[in-house]
Amino acid sequence: MYLFLKQKVETFLKWMEEFKMEEAVTAIKPSKSQMAKKKRARILKQLKKDKWLYFLMLPGILLTLVFRYFPMYGAIIAFKDYNPMLGILDSPWVGFEHFREFISSPNFGMLLSNTLKISIYGLILGFFPPIILALSLNQVLNEKIKKKLQLILYAPNFISVVVIVGMLFLFLSANGPINAIVQKLTGNPIMFMSSPDYFRTIYILSGIWQGIGWSSILYTATLAGVSTDLYEAANIDGANLIQKIWHIDLPAMRPIMVISFILSAGNIMNVGYEKAYLMQTSMNIPTSEIISTYVYKVGLQSGNYAYSAAVGLFNMIINVVLLLIVNNITKRLNDGQGL
């Protein structure tokens, strides 16, 4: 009996000690309002500390808001029978009528096919040249020669689309230098710019030529940051050039390659209308008419703003879906690395 009572008393005393400790912790623990006040003070202190950094960010934030986010408000005209006299808010709603009209139109298949073919071919053919160029430049040890090569390779990126297309018409016309060689070999000129069969090839190859230098900048910068100790260790182990590229350069470039591929796949429906529109002729329309040129013609030239907005929104939705799918697949295949 004595042992039983002793055990109960000890249990009671232990419980009392725990209860007192809980009361003490509760008394010390700040209330929700106090925690929120401390959090606000901490945020304000951090903002005050880094105020000049945020000030430098302000122009970029404003530009993004004005040119990226505010225009999203206008996307609602895709669901309206838009009348400029009534404005966006007062124009009547039509739901998905414009989307149904576009999908059921006879041009839908041609537009989607042409856009996807140009984008996919461009992605496949244009993804590896910048990587190969960066690897090649990394082997140039003379810095003066390397900088001159980079200047020459980056220059086409700063040439306007109008000039690029003008150069294409000049070199590939019936009386151009390319056809002069073709005529000597075959006896007949080839109508490169008016033939539907050559449009995609010319569009993609000229795009690769124009952007290969600029697209290789990130890869070149990545390779410049690789430690020379790795190359020295590889030389000691007797590794040749291919082995060093495979085991040192490519692993270093892999994260940039993954991000570049995901972003390119997410923009697969965004074929710039300027170049395609300038390269269009009455003869190559079957392959040169893409969604972006169609939106330009229907929206700005014909004044059907609501319908063109619906087509553009359809294009954007496909891009977002493709971006999510490709990013998910890449994460599964790349040990969780992606966007």
Protein backbone atom coordinates (compact mmCIF):
# COMPACT_ATOMS: atom_id res chain seq x y z
CA MET A 1 0.00 0.00 0.00
CA TYR A 2 2.83 2.35 0.90
CA LEU A 3 4.58 1.72 -2.42
CA PHE A 4 1.35 2.30 -4.33
CA LEU A 5 0.72 5.67 -2.62
CA LYS A 6 4.35 6.67 -3.14
CA GLN A 7 4.06 5.92 -6.86
CA LYS A 8 0.86 7.97 -7.17
CA VAL A 9 2.40 10.94 -5.33
CA GLU A 10 5.47 10.88 -7.57
CA THR A 11 3.27 10.75 -10.69
CA PHE A 12 1.21 13.69 -9.39
CA LEU A 13 4.31 15.76 -8.63
CA LYS A 14 5.74 14.99 -12.07
CA TRP A 15 2.47 16.04 -13.69
CA MET A 16 2.50 19.31 -11.70
CA GLU A 17 6.03 20.08 -12.87
CA GLU A 18 5.05 19.50 -16.51
CA PHE A 19 1.96 21.67 -16.07
CA LYS A 20 4.03 24.52 -14.62
CA MET A 21 6.50 24.25 -17.50
CA GLU A 22 3.66 24.44 -20.07
CA GLU A 23 2.26 27.51 -18.32
CA ALA A 24 5.69 29.14 -18.37
CA VAL A 25 6.14 28.42 -22.08
CA THR A 26 2.65 29.76 -22.81
CA ALA A 27 3.43 32.92 -20.87
CA ILE A 28 6.71 33.41 -22.72
CA LYS A 29 5.31 32.57 -26.20
CA PRO A 30 4.31 35.78 -28.02
CA SER A 31 0.81 36.27 -29.36
CA LYS A 32 -0.06 36.15 -33.08
CA SER A 33 -0.27 39.94 -33.26
CA GLN A 34 3.17 40.27 -31.69
CA MET A 35 4.61 37.73 -34.14
CA ALA A 36 3.04 39.56 -37.09
CA LYS A 37 4.43 42.86 -35.80
CA LYS A 38 7.93 41.39 -35.51
CA LYS A 39 7.65 39.91 -39.00
CA ARG A 40 6.65 43.29 -40.47
CA ALA A 41 9.52 44.97 -38.65
CA ARG A 42 11.95 42.37 -39.97
CA ILE A 43 10.69 42.83 -43.56
CA LEU A 44 10.91 46.62 -43.31
CA LYS A 45 14.43 46.34 -41.92
CA GLN A 46 15.44 44.10 -44.82
CA LEU A 47 13.85 46.46 -47.37
CA LYS A 48 15.62 49.42 -45.82
CA LYS A 49 18.92 47.55 -45.85
CA ASP A 50 18.65 46.59 -49.56
CA LYS A 51 16.73 49.67 -50.74
CA TRP A 52 19.22 50.53 -53.49
CA LEU A 53 19.07 47.01 -54.90
CA TYR A 54 15.26 47.22 -55.08
CA PHE A 55 15.58 50.65 -56.63
CA LEU A 56 17.74 49.16 -59.39
CA MET A 57 15.12 46.44 -59.91
CA LEU A 58 12.28 48.96 -60.21
CA PRO A 59 12.64 49.79 -63.95
CA GLY A 60 12.64 46.11 -64.88
CA ILE A 61 9.60 45.42 -62.69
CA LEU A 62 7.70 48.37 -64.19
CA LEU A 63 8.55 47.33 -67.76
CA THR A 64 7.43 43.77 -67.03
CA LEU A 65 4.15 44.97 -65.54
CA VAL A 66 3.41 47.42 -68.35
CA PHE A 67 4.37 45.23 -71.31
CA ARG A 68 3.74 41.71 -69.95
CA TYR A 69 1.03 41.72 -67.31
CA PHE A 70 -1.23 44.68 -68.09
CA PRO A 71 -1.81 43.52 -71.72
CA MET A 72 -3.26 40.27 -70.32
CA TYR A 73 -6.38 42.26 -69.51
CA GLY A 74 -7.03 42.60 -73.24
CA ALA A 75 -7.16 38.81 -73.63
CA ILE A 76 -10.81 38.84 -72.56
CA ILE A 77 -11.79 40.18 -75.99
CA ALA A 78 -11.15 36.62 -77.23
CA PHE A 79 -14.42 35.73 -75.46
CA LYS A 80 -16.35 38.78 -76.69
CA ASP A 81 -17.84 40.16 -79.88
CA TYR A 82 -15.51 43.11 -79.58
CA ASN A 83 -16.66 46.47 -80.88
CA PRO A 84 -14.18 49.38 -80.58
CA MET A 85 -17.10 51.79 -80.17
CA LEU A 86 -18.39 49.90 -77.13
CA GLY A 87 -15.03 49.10 -75.59
CA ILE A 88 -13.82 45.93 -73.95
CA LEU A 89 -16.17 45.92 -70.96
CA ASP A 90 -19.39 46.77 -72.82
CA SER A 91 -18.88 44.43 -75.78
CA PRO A 92 -21.18 41.37 -75.60
CA TRP A 93 -19.84 37.99 -74.48
CA VAL A 94 -19.74 35.15 -77.03
CA GLY A 95 -17.90 32.52 -74.97
CA PHE A 96 -15.77 30.12 -77.01
CA GLU A 97 -17.36 31.01 -80.35
CA HIS A 98 -14.14 32.44 -81.83
CA PHE A 99 -12.16 29.37 -80.77
CA ARG A 100 -14.71 27.05 -82.40
CA GLU A 101 -14.64 29.18 -85.53
CA PHE A 102 -10.84 28.95 -85.76
CA ILE A 103 -10.63 25.20 -85.09
CA SER A 104 -13.39 24.45 -87.63
CA SER A 105 -11.93 26.76 -90.31
CA PRO A 106 -10.40 25.13 -93.42
CA ASN A 107 -7.05 26.84 -92.72
CA PHE A 108 -6.64 25.38 -89.22
CA GLY A 109 -4.83 22.20 -90.28
CA MET A 110 -2.45 24.03 -92.62
CA LEU A 111 -1.64 26.75 -90.07
CA LEU A 112 -1.02 24.31 -87.22
CA SER A 113 1.03 21.96 -89.42
CA ASN A 114 3.22 24.73 -90.85
CA THR A 115 3.82 26.27 -87.42
CA LEU A 116 4.73 22.96 -85.79
CA LYS A 117 6.99 21.85 -88.64
CA ILE A 118 8.99 25.08 -88.66
CA SER A 119 9.27 25.07 -84.85
CA ILE A 120 10.16 21.40 -84.42
CA TYR A 121 12.63 21.34 -87.31
CA GLY A 122 14.15 24.57 -86.02
CA LEU A 123 14.42 23.16 -82.48
CA ILE A 124 16.05 19.91 -83.63
CA LEU A 125 18.44 21.48 -86.13
CA GLY A 126 19.18 24.61 -84.10
CA PHE A 127 19.73 23.10 -80.65
CA PHE A 128 23.16 21.51 -81.19
CA PRO A 129 25.07 24.06 -83.34
CA PRO A 130 25.51 26.58 -80.46
CA ILE A 131 26.82 23.77 -78.25
CA ILE A 132 29.28 22.62 -80.91
CA LEU A 133 30.37 26.22 -81.49
CA ALA A 134 30.96 26.79 -77.77
CA LEU A 135 33.01 23.59 -77.53
CA SER A 136 35.04 24.66 -80.57
CA LEU A 137 35.69 28.15 -79.21
CA ASN A 138 36.77 26.62 -75.91
CA GLN A 139 39.63 24.89 -77.74
CA VAL A 140 40.99 28.20 -79.09
CA LEU A 141 43.78 29.10 -76.68
CA ASN A 142 44.79 32.44 -78.23
CA GLU A 143 42.53 35.01 -76.55
CA LYS A 144 42.91 37.63 -79.31
CA ILE A 145 41.85 35.22 -82.04
CA LYS A 146 39.05 33.91 -79.82
CA LYS A 147 37.61 37.40 -79.23
CA LYS A 148 37.73 38.24 -82.94
CA LEU A 149 35.94 35.01 -83.79
CA GLN A 150 33.28 35.72 -81.17
CA LEU A 151 32.77 39.24 -82.56
CA ILE A 152 32.28 37.87 -86.08
CA LEU A 153 29.91 35.14 -84.89
CA TYR A 154 27.82 37.42 -82.65
CA ALA A 155 27.42 40.16 -85.29
CA PRO A 156 24.55 38.54 -87.31
CA ASN A 157 22.32 38.62 -84.23
CA PHE A 158 22.27 42.43 -84.40
CA ILE A 159 21.18 42.54 -88.04
CA SER A 160 17.48 43.36 -88.34
CA VAL A 161 15.03 40.84 -89.79
CA VAL A 162 14.29 43.18 -92.71
CA VAL A 163 17.96 43.24 -93.70
CA ILE A 164 18.26 39.46 -93.33
CA VAL A 165 15.28 38.85 -95.62
CA GLY A 166 16.62 41.43 -98.08
CA MET A 167 19.91 39.54 -98.16
CA LEU A 168 18.05 36.28 -98.80
CA PHE A 169 16.14 37.76 -101.74
CA LEU A 170 19.37 39.26 -103.08
CA PHE A 171 21.43 36.05 -102.92
CA LEU A 172 18.65 33.59 -103.80
CA SER A 173 16.84 35.50 -106.55
CA ALA A 174 16.79 34.26 -110.15
CA ASN A 175 19.67 36.63 -110.99
CA GLY A 176 21.53 36.18 -107.69
CA PRO A 177 24.98 34.66 -107.17
CA ILE A 178 23.60 31.31 -105.95
CA ASN A 179 21.49 30.85 -109.07
CA ALA A 180 24.44 31.91 -111.22
CA ILE A 181 26.27 28.82 -109.94
CA VAL A 182 23.14 26.65 -110.27
CA GLN A 183 22.63 27.76 -113.89
CA LYS A 184 26.20 26.82 -114.78
CA LEU A 185 25.72 23.38 -113.25
CA THR A 186 22.16 22.56 -114.34
CA GLY A 187 21.29 25.15 -116.98
CA ASN A 188 18.12 26.30 -115.18
CA PRO A 189 17.70 28.65 -112.20
CA ILE A 190 15.80 27.56 -109.08
CA MET A 191 13.12 29.85 -107.70
CA PHE A 192 14.19 29.47 -104.07
CA MET A 193 12.14 32.29 -102.56
CA SER A 194 8.89 31.54 -104.38
CA SER A 195 8.96 27.75 -104.12
CA PRO A 196 7.01 26.22 -101.19
CA ASP A 197 9.52 23.36 -101.03
CA TYR A 198 12.44 25.61 -100.04
CA PHE A 199 10.71 28.00 -97.63
CA ARG A 200 11.23 26.01 -94.42
CA THR A 201 14.84 25.16 -95.26
CA ILE A 202 15.71 28.80 -95.98
CA TYR A 203 13.82 30.04 -92.91
CA ILE A 204 15.47 27.59 -90.50
CA LEU A 205 19.03 27.73 -91.86
CA SER A 206 19.05 31.53 -92.00
CA GLY A 207 17.75 31.58 -88.41
CA ILE A 208 20.52 29.24 -87.26
CA TRP A 209 23.14 31.38 -89.01
CA GLN A 210 21.79 34.53 -87.40
CA GLY A 211 21.46 33.20 -83.85
CA ILE A 212 24.17 30.57 -83.45
CA GLY A 213 26.73 32.99 -82.01
CA TRP A 214 24.37 34.65 -79.58
CA SER A 215 22.89 31.31 -78.46
CA SER A 216 26.37 30.00 -77.65
CA ILE A 217 27.16 32.77 -75.13
CA LEU A 218 25.77 30.91 -72.10
CA TYR A 219 27.60 27.73 -73.05
CA THR A 220 30.85 29.63 -73.62
CA ALA A 221 30.51 31.36 -70.24
CA THR A 222 29.85 28.02 -68.55
CA LEU A 223 32.96 26.46 -70.07
CA ALA A 224 35.03 29.48 -69.04
CA GLY A 225 34.12 28.74 -65.42
CA VAL A 226 35.30 25.12 -65.51
CA SER A 227 38.37 24.63 -63.29
CA THR A 228 41.63 24.08 -65.17
CA ASP A 229 42.54 21.47 -62.54
CA LEU A 230 40.04 19.11 -64.16
CA TYR A 231 41.76 19.39 -67.54
CA GLU A 232 45.20 18.96 -65.94
CA ALA A 233 44.02 15.84 -64.12
CA ALA A 234 42.55 14.51 -67.37
CA ASN A 235 45.85 15.13 -69.17
CA ILE A 236 47.73 13.23 -66.46
CA ASP A 237 45.29 10.33 -66.86
CA GLY A 238 45.95 10.32 -70.61
CA ALA A 239 42.49 11.51 -71.72
CA ASN A 240 42.14 12.65 -75.32
CA LEU A 241 40.12 15.65 -76.57
CA ILE A 242 36.88 13.71 -77.06
CA GLN A 243 37.11 12.18 -73.59
CA LYS A 244 37.69 15.60 -71.99
CA ILE A 245 34.69 17.04 -73.83
CA TRP A 246 32.51 14.08 -72.85
CA HIS A 247 33.51 13.86 -69.19
CA ILE A 248 34.26 17.53 -68.34
CA ASP A 249 32.70 20.00 -70.78
CA LEU A 250 29.32 18.37 -71.44
CA PRO A 251 28.53 17.67 -67.74
CA ALA A 252 29.32 21.32 -66.97
CA MET A 253 27.00 22.47 -69.77
CA ARG A 254 24.22 20.04 -68.93
CA PRO A 255 22.10 22.34 -66.67
CA ILE A 256 22.15 25.13 -69.28
CA MET A 257 21.31 22.63 -72.03
CA VAL A 258 18.31 21.35 -70.06
CA ILE A 259 16.93 24.84 -69.35
CA SER A 260 17.52 25.94 -72.95
CA PHE A 261 15.70 22.89 -74.30
CA ILE A 262 12.72 23.34 -71.96
CA LEU A 263 12.34 27.04 -72.83
CA SER A 264 12.69 26.31 -76.56
CA ALA A 265 10.05 23.58 -76.34
CA GLY A 266 7.77 25.95 -74.42
CA ASN A 267 8.02 28.47 -77.28
CA ILE A 268 7.46 25.89 -79.99
CA MET A 269 4.34 27.66 -81.25
CA ASN A 270 5.94 31.12 -81.18
CA VAL A 271 7.28 31.47 -84.70
CA GLY A 272 8.03 35.16 -85.28
CA TYR A 273 5.66 36.57 -87.87
CA GLU A 274 8.04 39.30 -89.12
CA LYS A 275 10.47 37.05 -90.94
CA ALA A 276 7.82 34.63 -92.22
CA TYR A 277 5.63 37.51 -93.39
CA LEU A 278 8.51 39.24 -95.19
CA MET A 279 9.54 35.99 -96.87
CA GLN A 280 6.01 35.24 -98.07
CA THR A 281 5.11 35.31 -101.74
CA SER A 282 1.91 34.31 -103.49
CA MET A 283 3.59 31.04 -104.52
CA ASN A 284 4.93 29.83 -101.15
CA ILE A 285 1.80 30.51 -99.04
CA PRO A 286 1.05 26.76 -98.60
CA THR A 287 4.16 26.41 -96.40
CA SER A 288 4.83 29.99 -95.26
CA GLU A 289 1.42 30.80 -93.76
CA ILE A 290 1.70 30.18 -90.01
CA ILE A 291 -0.46 31.09 -87.02
CA SER A 292 1.40 34.33 -86.24
CA THR A 293 1.13 35.66 -89.81
CA TYR A 294 -2.54 34.63 -89.86
CA VAL A 295 -3.17 36.55 -86.62
CA TYR A 296 -1.44 39.61 -88.09
CA LYS A 297 -3.52 39.52 -91.27
CA VAL A 298 -6.85 38.81 -89.57
CA GLY A 299 -6.28 41.16 -86.63
CA LEU A 300 -4.45 44.23 -87.91
CA GLN A 301 -5.22 44.10 -91.62
CA SER A 302 -8.84 42.91 -91.47
CA GLY A 303 -9.72 44.49 -88.11
CA ASN A 304 -11.16 41.27 -86.62
CA TYR A 305 -9.53 41.85 -83.24
CA ALA A 306 -11.58 39.43 -81.15
CA TYR A 307 -11.02 36.51 -83.51
CA SER A 308 -7.27 37.19 -83.78
CA ALA A 309 -7.06 37.46 -79.97
CA ALA A 310 -8.71 34.04 -79.68
CA VAL A 311 -6.20 32.55 -82.14
CA GLY A 312 -3.30 34.12 -80.24
CA LEU A 313 -4.66 32.85 -76.91
CA PHE A 314 -5.05 29.37 -78.39
CA ASN A 315 -1.41 29.56 -79.43
CA MET A 316 -0.32 30.63 -75.93
CA ILE A 317 -2.29 27.86 -74.20
CA ILE A 318 -0.58 25.21 -76.35
CA ASN A 319 2.80 26.73 -75.46
CA VAL A 320 2.05 26.57 -71.73
CA VAL A 321 0.84 22.96 -71.96
CA LEU A 322 3.94 21.93 -73.94
CA LEU A 323 6.21 23.73 -71.46
CA LEU A 324 4.67 21.86 -68.52
CA ILE A 325 4.82 18.49 -70.31
CA VAL A 326 8.43 18.88 -71.45
CA ASN A 327 9.50 20.18 -68.03
CA ASN A 328 7.85 17.21 -66.30
CA ILE A 329 9.44 14.69 -68.68
CA THR A 330 12.85 16.35 -68.31
CA LYS A 331 12.64 16.21 -64.51
CA ARG A 332 11.87 12.49 -64.63
CA LEU A 333 14.75 11.76 -67.01
CA ASN A 334 17.22 14.16 -65.40
CA ASP A 335 17.10 13.30 -61.69
CA GLY A 336 14.60 16.03 -60.87
CA GLN A 337 16.51 18.82 -62.63
CA GLY A 338 14.32 21.22 -64.59
CA LEU A 339 12.55 24.53 -64.22
